[in-house]
Amino acid sequence: MDATPLLVGDLGATNARFALMGDAGARDIAVLSCADYPDLASAMRAYQARVPNAAGVRRAALAIASPIVGDRVAMTNHAWSFSILGLRDAMGLERLEVVNDFAAVALAVSHLTDADRRQIGGGEAQPGARGVLGPGSGLGMASVVPDASGRPVTVPGEGGHATVPAGDDREAAVIAHLRRIYGHVSCERVVSGMGLVNLYQALGAVDGEPDVPTVTPPEVSELAAGGDPQAAEAVRMFVGLLGSVAGNLALTVGAVGGVYIAGGICGRLGALFDDALFRQRFEAKGRFHGYMAAIPTYLVTHPFPAFVGLKGVLDDG
């Protein structure tokens, strides 16, 4: 057992995942529902109560689904907000690092093995920038670029809130319907858990269905697997739009080192995730098709990649 484990946490809109992290990897992993706790400190104390060894930890790192600017952090898709210094003192920590959730995943990609990822098309990764994105409760996005010495530097971003691109008239009609609801239709509105629901319901509205049922993201997947045509089209549109967005990220950062798809949704889709459709949309960049075809894309299969990145944050300090 590691003598001085680190406390790491991956905080999304729905769940807060905590673990103790050491050289042997993560242990004592717990997944808490954010809705069960009034604030982050309460969730951290609940984890400490479950895991006695966590109470003595003095260094911690948290990945949070929010831009991190200054000391005050407010989650994008959840009500928690906190002061980093205030949380550090309240929890009795000597050091607390807080980073964007996909910055943590981006830090992890250098440490992933072939067992932690599945390649979906493209060629061999080249030295250079890499892109990371992943649909979950929202759509996280970041990139990794080498510095002058070749050391990876993470660049967090909020590309999930960029305007979503329509690839054909059908997608344009769906986005037009969503625009009447949301005003601005970001990538996150269609490439995320609730995005899958939005696509399912918007397709019904576009097709004039009088009563589109209220569903959850897992229910859309279940309906698609059971042969429901509207749900199946929603899943295919989700995969296609993800491919387009991932391709835009690759072009923007010059991700010749590959693009990594994290987040839990794609893995849970299983056989419904159409690799060929994803790559077709990823590569469909006109005159840059050849450039895109060479870029590898990977589906991250490691269950907790952010934990790997967070350990790196503390080890580098």
Protein backbone atom coordinates (compact mmCIF):
# COMPACT_ATOMS: atom_id res chain seq x y z
CA MET A 1 0.00 0.00 0.00
CA ASP A 2 1.26 3.50 -0.83
CA ALA A 3 2.49 5.35 2.25
CA THR A 4 1.10 8.74 1.24
CA PRO A 5 -1.90 8.34 -1.05
CA LEU A 6 -3.48 11.30 -2.80
CA LEU A 7 -7.17 12.16 -2.76
CA VAL A 8 -8.55 12.65 -6.26
CA GLY A 9 -12.04 13.56 -7.38
CA ASP A 10 -13.77 13.77 -10.75
CA LEU A 11 -16.83 16.00 -10.45
CA GLY A 12 -19.53 16.07 -13.10
CA ALA A 13 -23.06 17.41 -13.17
CA THR A 14 -24.51 14.10 -12.00
CA ASN A 15 -21.85 12.23 -10.03
CA ALA A 16 -18.80 12.95 -7.90
CA ARG A 17 -16.20 10.19 -8.14
CA PHE A 18 -13.51 10.00 -5.47
CA ALA A 19 -10.54 7.71 -4.93
CA LEU A 20 -7.21 7.40 -3.20
CA MET A 21 -4.43 7.41 -5.77
CA GLY A 22 -0.91 6.03 -5.47
CA ASP A 23 1.78 4.41 -7.57
CA ALA A 24 -0.33 1.25 -7.84
CA GLY A 25 -3.29 3.20 -9.22
CA ALA A 26 -6.68 4.13 -7.81
CA ARG A 27 -8.30 2.36 -4.89
CA ASP A 28 -11.28 2.90 -2.58
CA ILE A 29 -13.26 4.33 -5.48
CA ALA A 30 -16.68 5.70 -4.59
CA VAL A 31 -19.31 7.31 -6.80
CA LEU A 32 -21.59 9.78 -5.01
CA SER A 33 -24.65 11.50 -6.42
CA CYS A 34 -24.09 15.26 -6.48
CA ALA A 35 -27.79 15.83 -5.79
CA ASP A 36 -27.42 14.15 -2.38
CA TYR A 37 -25.09 16.85 -1.03
CA PRO A 38 -25.57 20.60 -0.61
CA ASP A 39 -21.97 21.41 -1.48
CA LEU A 40 -18.66 19.87 -2.47
CA ALA A 41 -17.22 19.90 1.04
CA SER A 42 -20.14 17.78 2.25
CA ALA A 43 -19.52 15.24 -0.51
CA MET A 44 -15.81 15.08 0.31
CA ARG A 45 -16.57 14.55 4.01
CA ALA A 46 -19.00 11.78 3.10
CA TYR A 47 -16.23 10.06 1.15
CA GLN A 48 -13.85 10.44 4.09
CA ALA A 49 -16.45 8.86 6.36
CA ARG A 50 -16.67 5.86 4.03
CA VAL A 51 -12.91 5.49 3.60
CA PRO A 52 -11.04 5.91 6.90
CA ASN A 53 -7.65 6.28 5.21
CA ALA A 54 -8.93 9.32 3.32
CA ALA A 55 -9.24 11.40 6.48
CA GLY A 56 -5.48 11.69 6.88
CA VAL A 57 -4.71 12.71 3.31
CA ARG A 58 -3.15 16.17 3.00
CA ARG A 59 -2.88 16.55 -0.78
CA ALA A 60 -5.82 16.46 -3.15
CA ALA A 61 -6.66 17.24 -6.76
CA LEU A 62 -10.10 17.71 -8.24
CA ALA A 63 -11.28 17.69 -11.85
CA ILE A 64 -14.45 19.69 -12.31
CA ALA A 65 -16.81 20.24 -15.23
CA SER A 66 -16.29 23.99 -15.33
CA PRO A 67 -13.82 26.58 -16.57
CA ILE A 68 -11.27 27.34 -13.83
CA VAL A 69 -10.45 31.05 -13.66
CA GLY A 70 -9.16 32.39 -10.36
CA ASP A 71 -10.14 31.16 -6.92
CA ARG A 72 -13.92 31.02 -7.32
CA VAL A 73 -15.35 28.00 -9.13
CA ALA A 74 -18.99 27.56 -10.20
CA MET A 75 -20.00 24.33 -11.92
CA THR A 76 -21.55 24.78 -15.35
CA ASN A 77 -24.32 22.16 -15.04
CA HIS A 78 -24.73 21.89 -11.27
CA ALA A 79 -25.39 24.29 -8.39
CA TRP A 80 -22.14 23.75 -6.47
CA SER A 81 -19.75 26.69 -6.22
CA PHE A 82 -16.76 27.17 -3.94
CA SER A 83 -13.52 28.98 -3.20
CA ILE A 84 -10.48 26.80 -3.88
CA LEU A 85 -8.57 28.26 -0.94
CA GLY A 86 -11.64 28.09 1.27
CA LEU A 87 -12.22 24.43 0.42
CA ARG A 88 -8.56 23.63 1.02
CA ASP A 89 -8.72 25.15 4.50
CA ALA A 90 -12.12 23.65 5.33
CA MET A 91 -10.84 20.17 4.46
CA GLY A 92 -7.55 20.59 6.34
CA LEU A 93 -5.44 20.09 3.23
CA GLU A 94 -1.90 21.29 2.72
CA ARG A 95 -2.39 21.41 -1.04
CA LEU A 96 -5.47 21.39 -3.26
CA GLU A 97 -5.33 21.59 -7.03
CA VAL A 98 -8.48 22.15 -9.09
CA VAL A 99 -8.45 21.73 -12.87
CA ASN A 100 -10.98 21.48 -15.66
CA ASP A 101 -12.25 17.92 -15.99
CA PHE A 102 -11.07 17.46 -19.55
CA ALA A 103 -7.73 19.05 -18.78
CA ALA A 104 -7.29 16.13 -16.38
CA VAL A 105 -8.30 13.62 -19.06
CA ALA A 106 -5.93 15.32 -21.50
CA LEU A 107 -3.09 14.94 -19.00
CA ALA A 108 -3.88 11.24 -18.79
CA VAL A 109 -3.67 10.40 -22.49
CA SER A 110 0.15 10.28 -22.43
CA HIS A 111 -0.07 7.52 -19.84
CA LEU A 112 -2.75 5.34 -21.45
CA THR A 113 -1.73 1.96 -22.80
CA ASP A 114 -3.30 0.03 -25.66
CA ALA A 115 -5.41 -1.74 -23.04
CA ASP A 116 -6.91 1.63 -22.05
CA ARG A 117 -8.06 2.68 -25.52
CA ARG A 118 -9.51 1.34 -28.77
CA GLN A 119 -8.37 2.84 -32.05
CA ILE A 120 -11.10 3.78 -34.51
CA GLY A 121 -9.54 4.38 -37.89
CA GLY A 122 -6.74 6.62 -39.05
CA GLY A 123 -3.03 5.93 -39.23
CA GLU A 124 -0.17 6.10 -36.76
CA ALA A 125 -0.08 8.96 -34.28
CA GLN A 126 2.56 11.57 -35.10
CA PRO A 127 4.49 13.79 -32.68
CA GLY A 128 2.42 16.88 -32.05
CA ALA A 129 -0.87 18.07 -30.65
CA ARG A 130 -3.65 15.79 -29.47
CA GLY A 131 -7.32 16.53 -28.95
CA VAL A 132 -9.56 15.16 -26.21
CA LEU A 133 -13.34 15.38 -26.00
CA GLY A 134 -16.09 13.41 -24.41
CA PRO A 135 -19.85 13.43 -24.10
CA GLY A 136 -21.25 12.88 -20.62
CA SER A 137 -23.64 15.16 -18.75
CA GLY A 138 -22.04 17.85 -20.92
CA LEU A 139 -19.39 17.86 -23.64
CA GLY A 140 -15.85 18.34 -22.34
CA MET A 141 -13.00 19.37 -24.59
CA ALA A 142 -9.27 20.02 -24.26
CA SER A 143 -6.02 19.65 -26.16
CA VAL A 144 -2.44 18.66 -25.39
CA VAL A 145 0.47 20.37 -27.12
CA PRO A 146 4.20 19.74 -26.68
CA ASP A 147 6.38 22.54 -25.33
CA ALA A 148 9.86 23.31 -26.67
CA SER A 149 11.30 20.31 -24.82
CA GLY A 150 8.53 17.97 -25.94
CA ARG A 151 6.83 17.95 -22.54
CA PRO A 152 3.01 17.80 -22.87
CA VAL A 153 1.14 20.96 -21.93
CA THR A 154 -2.62 20.80 -21.45
CA VAL A 155 -4.85 23.50 -22.90
CA PRO A 156 -8.38 23.29 -21.45
CA GLY A 157 -11.21 24.64 -23.55
CA GLU A 158 -14.96 25.12 -23.66
CA GLY A 159 -15.51 23.89 -27.20
CA GLY A 160 -18.62 22.04 -26.10
CA HIS A 161 -20.34 25.42 -26.08
CA ALA A 162 -19.35 26.28 -29.65
CA THR A 163 -22.17 26.37 -32.21
CA VAL A 164 -23.07 22.91 -33.47
CA PRO A 165 -22.47 22.21 -37.19
CA ALA A 166 -25.19 20.63 -39.34
CA GLY A 167 -23.93 18.06 -41.82
CA ASP A 168 -27.10 17.72 -43.90
CA ASP A 169 -30.66 18.99 -44.26
CA ARG A 170 -32.03 16.52 -41.71
CA GLU A 171 -29.59 17.70 -39.05
CA ALA A 172 -30.31 21.32 -40.01
CA ALA A 173 -34.04 20.75 -39.41
CA VAL A 174 -33.35 19.20 -36.00
CA ILE A 175 -31.03 22.05 -35.03
CA ALA A 176 -33.60 24.61 -36.23
CA HIS A 177 -36.18 23.01 -33.93
CA LEU A 178 -33.75 23.09 -30.99
CA ARG A 179 -32.90 26.72 -31.77
CA ARG A 180 -36.53 27.62 -31.15
CA ILE A 181 -36.16 26.09 -27.68
CA TYR A 182 -32.66 27.17 -26.65
CA GLY A 183 -31.77 30.11 -28.87
CA HIS A 184 -28.13 29.14 -29.24
CA VAL A 185 -27.63 25.45 -30.04
CA SER A 186 -24.21 24.43 -28.81
CA CYS A 187 -22.45 21.16 -29.54
CA GLU A 188 -23.30 20.11 -26.00
CA ARG A 189 -27.03 20.40 -26.74
CA VAL A 190 -26.77 17.43 -29.11
CA VAL A 191 -23.52 15.61 -28.24
CA SER A 192 -24.07 14.71 -24.58
CA GLY A 193 -26.43 12.60 -22.51
CA MET A 194 -29.23 15.15 -22.68
CA GLY A 195 -28.17 15.83 -26.25
CA LEU A 196 -29.20 12.30 -27.16
CA VAL A 197 -32.60 12.99 -25.60
CA ASN A 198 -32.82 16.32 -27.45
CA LEU A 199 -32.15 14.57 -30.76
CA TYR A 200 -34.78 11.91 -30.07
CA GLN A 201 -37.45 14.45 -29.15
CA ALA A 202 -36.52 16.88 -31.93
CA LEU A 203 -36.75 14.14 -34.56
CA GLY A 204 -40.25 13.36 -33.36
CA ALA A 205 -41.22 17.03 -33.55
CA VAL A 206 -39.72 17.47 -37.02
CA ASP A 207 -41.64 14.41 -38.23
CA GLY A 208 -44.89 15.70 -36.76
CA GLU A 209 -45.23 13.09 -34.01
CA PRO A 210 -48.02 14.32 -31.70
CA ASP A 211 -46.77 12.70 -28.51
CA VAL A 212 -43.03 12.22 -28.17
CA PRO A 213 -42.42 10.39 -24.87
CA THR A 214 -40.20 11.81 -22.16
CA VAL A 215 -37.14 9.58 -21.96
CA THR A 216 -33.70 9.37 -20.38
CA PRO A 217 -30.43 8.85 -22.29
CA PRO A 218 -30.25 5.13 -21.36
CA GLU A 219 -33.85 4.69 -22.50
CA VAL A 220 -33.03 6.16 -25.93
CA SER A 221 -30.22 3.60 -26.25
CA GLU A 222 -32.51 0.79 -25.12
CA LEU A 223 -35.19 1.81 -27.62
CA ALA A 224 -32.60 1.95 -30.40
CA ALA A 225 -31.28 -1.50 -29.51
CA GLY A 226 -34.86 -2.78 -29.57
CA GLY A 227 -35.45 -1.53 -33.10
CA ASP A 228 -37.27 1.75 -32.50
CA PRO A 229 -36.56 3.73 -35.71
CA GLN A 230 -36.71 7.20 -34.13
CA ALA A 231 -34.32 6.22 -31.35
CA ALA A 232 -32.02 4.47 -33.82
CA GLU A 233 -31.89 7.62 -35.95
CA ALA A 234 -31.17 9.72 -32.85
CA VAL A 235 -28.20 7.49 -31.96
CA ARG A 236 -26.87 7.61 -35.52
CA MET A 237 -27.22 11.38 -35.61
CA PHE A 238 -25.44 11.60 -32.25
CA VAL A 239 -22.51 9.54 -33.58
CA GLY A 240 -22.37 11.55 -36.80
CA LEU A 241 -22.39 14.89 -35.01
CA LEU A 242 -19.72 13.64 -32.60
CA GLY A 243 -17.59 12.77 -35.62
CA SER A 244 -18.06 16.26 -37.06
CA VAL A 245 -17.24 17.97 -33.77
CA ALA A 246 -14.19 15.76 -33.20
CA GLY A 247 -13.00 16.56 -36.71
CA ASN A 248 -13.37 20.28 -36.07
CA LEU A 249 -11.27 19.92 -32.93
CA ALA A 250 -8.60 18.03 -34.87
CA LEU A 251 -8.43 20.76 -37.50
CA THR A 252 -8.41 23.57 -34.94
CA VAL A 253 -5.48 22.27 -32.90
CA GLY A 254 -3.71 20.30 -35.64
CA ALA A 255 -4.17 17.05 -33.70
CA VAL A 256 -1.76 14.86 -35.68
CA GLY A 257 -1.12 12.98 -32.42
CA GLY A 258 -4.69 11.75 -32.44
CA VAL A 259 -8.10 12.59 -31.04
CA TYR A 260 -9.32 10.78 -27.92
CA ILE A 261 -13.01 10.25 -27.15
CA ALA A 262 -13.66 9.89 -23.42
CA GLY A 263 -16.83 10.20 -21.36
CA GLY A 264 -19.06 7.27 -20.52
CA ILE A 265 -21.75 7.53 -23.17
CA CYS A 266 -19.88 6.20 -26.19
CA GLY A 267 -18.70 3.11 -24.34
CA ARG A 268 -22.22 2.41 -23.10
CA LEU A 269 -23.60 2.59 -26.63
CA GLY A 270 -21.65 -0.58 -27.42
CA ALA A 271 -22.53 -1.96 -30.85
CA LEU A 272 -24.78 1.05 -31.49
CA PHE A 273 -21.66 3.20 -31.87
CA ASP A 274 -21.04 3.06 -35.62
CA ASP A 275 -17.26 3.33 -36.10
CA ALA A 276 -17.56 3.78 -39.86
CA LEU A 277 -20.11 6.60 -39.56
CA PHE A 278 -18.00 8.35 -36.94
CA ARG A 279 -14.90 8.21 -39.15
CA GLN A 280 -16.81 9.24 -42.28
CA ARG A 281 -18.01 12.40 -40.55
CA PHE A 282 -14.64 12.97 -38.86
CA GLU A 283 -12.87 12.91 -42.22
CA ALA A 284 -15.53 14.83 -44.19
CA LYS A 285 -13.62 18.11 -44.30
CA GLY A 286 -13.54 18.77 -48.04
CA ARG A 287 -10.06 19.50 -49.34
CA PHE A 288 -8.58 18.31 -46.04
CA HIS A 289 -10.02 14.81 -46.27
CA GLY A 290 -6.57 13.28 -46.78
CA TYR A 291 -5.14 15.17 -43.82
CA MET A 292 -8.00 13.99 -41.63
CA ALA A 293 -7.84 10.38 -42.83
CA ALA A 294 -4.32 10.05 -41.42
CA ILE A 295 -5.28 11.23 -37.91
CA PRO A 296 -6.04 8.34 -35.53
CA THR A 297 -9.05 8.48 -33.26
CA TYR A 298 -9.31 6.51 -30.03
CA LEU A 299 -12.16 5.53 -27.76
CA VAL A 300 -10.86 5.69 -24.19
CA THR A 301 -11.81 2.50 -22.32
CA HIS A 302 -10.02 3.27 -19.03
CA PRO A 303 -12.83 3.67 -16.46
CA PHE A 304 -11.30 6.66 -14.65
CA PRO A 305 -8.84 8.51 -16.89
CA ALA A 306 -9.22 11.77 -14.97
CA PHE A 307 -7.72 10.10 -11.88
CA VAL A 308 -4.57 9.31 -13.86
CA GLY A 309 -4.28 12.93 -14.95
CA LEU A 310 -4.92 14.27 -11.46
CA LYS A 311 -2.10 12.20 -10.02
CA GLY A 312 0.13 13.81 -12.64
CA VAL A 313 -0.99 17.27 -11.49
CA LEU A 314 0.11 16.56 -7.92
CA ASP A 315 3.28 14.70 -8.89
CA ASP A 316 4.41 17.64 -11.03
CA GLY A 317 3.96 20.14 -8.23
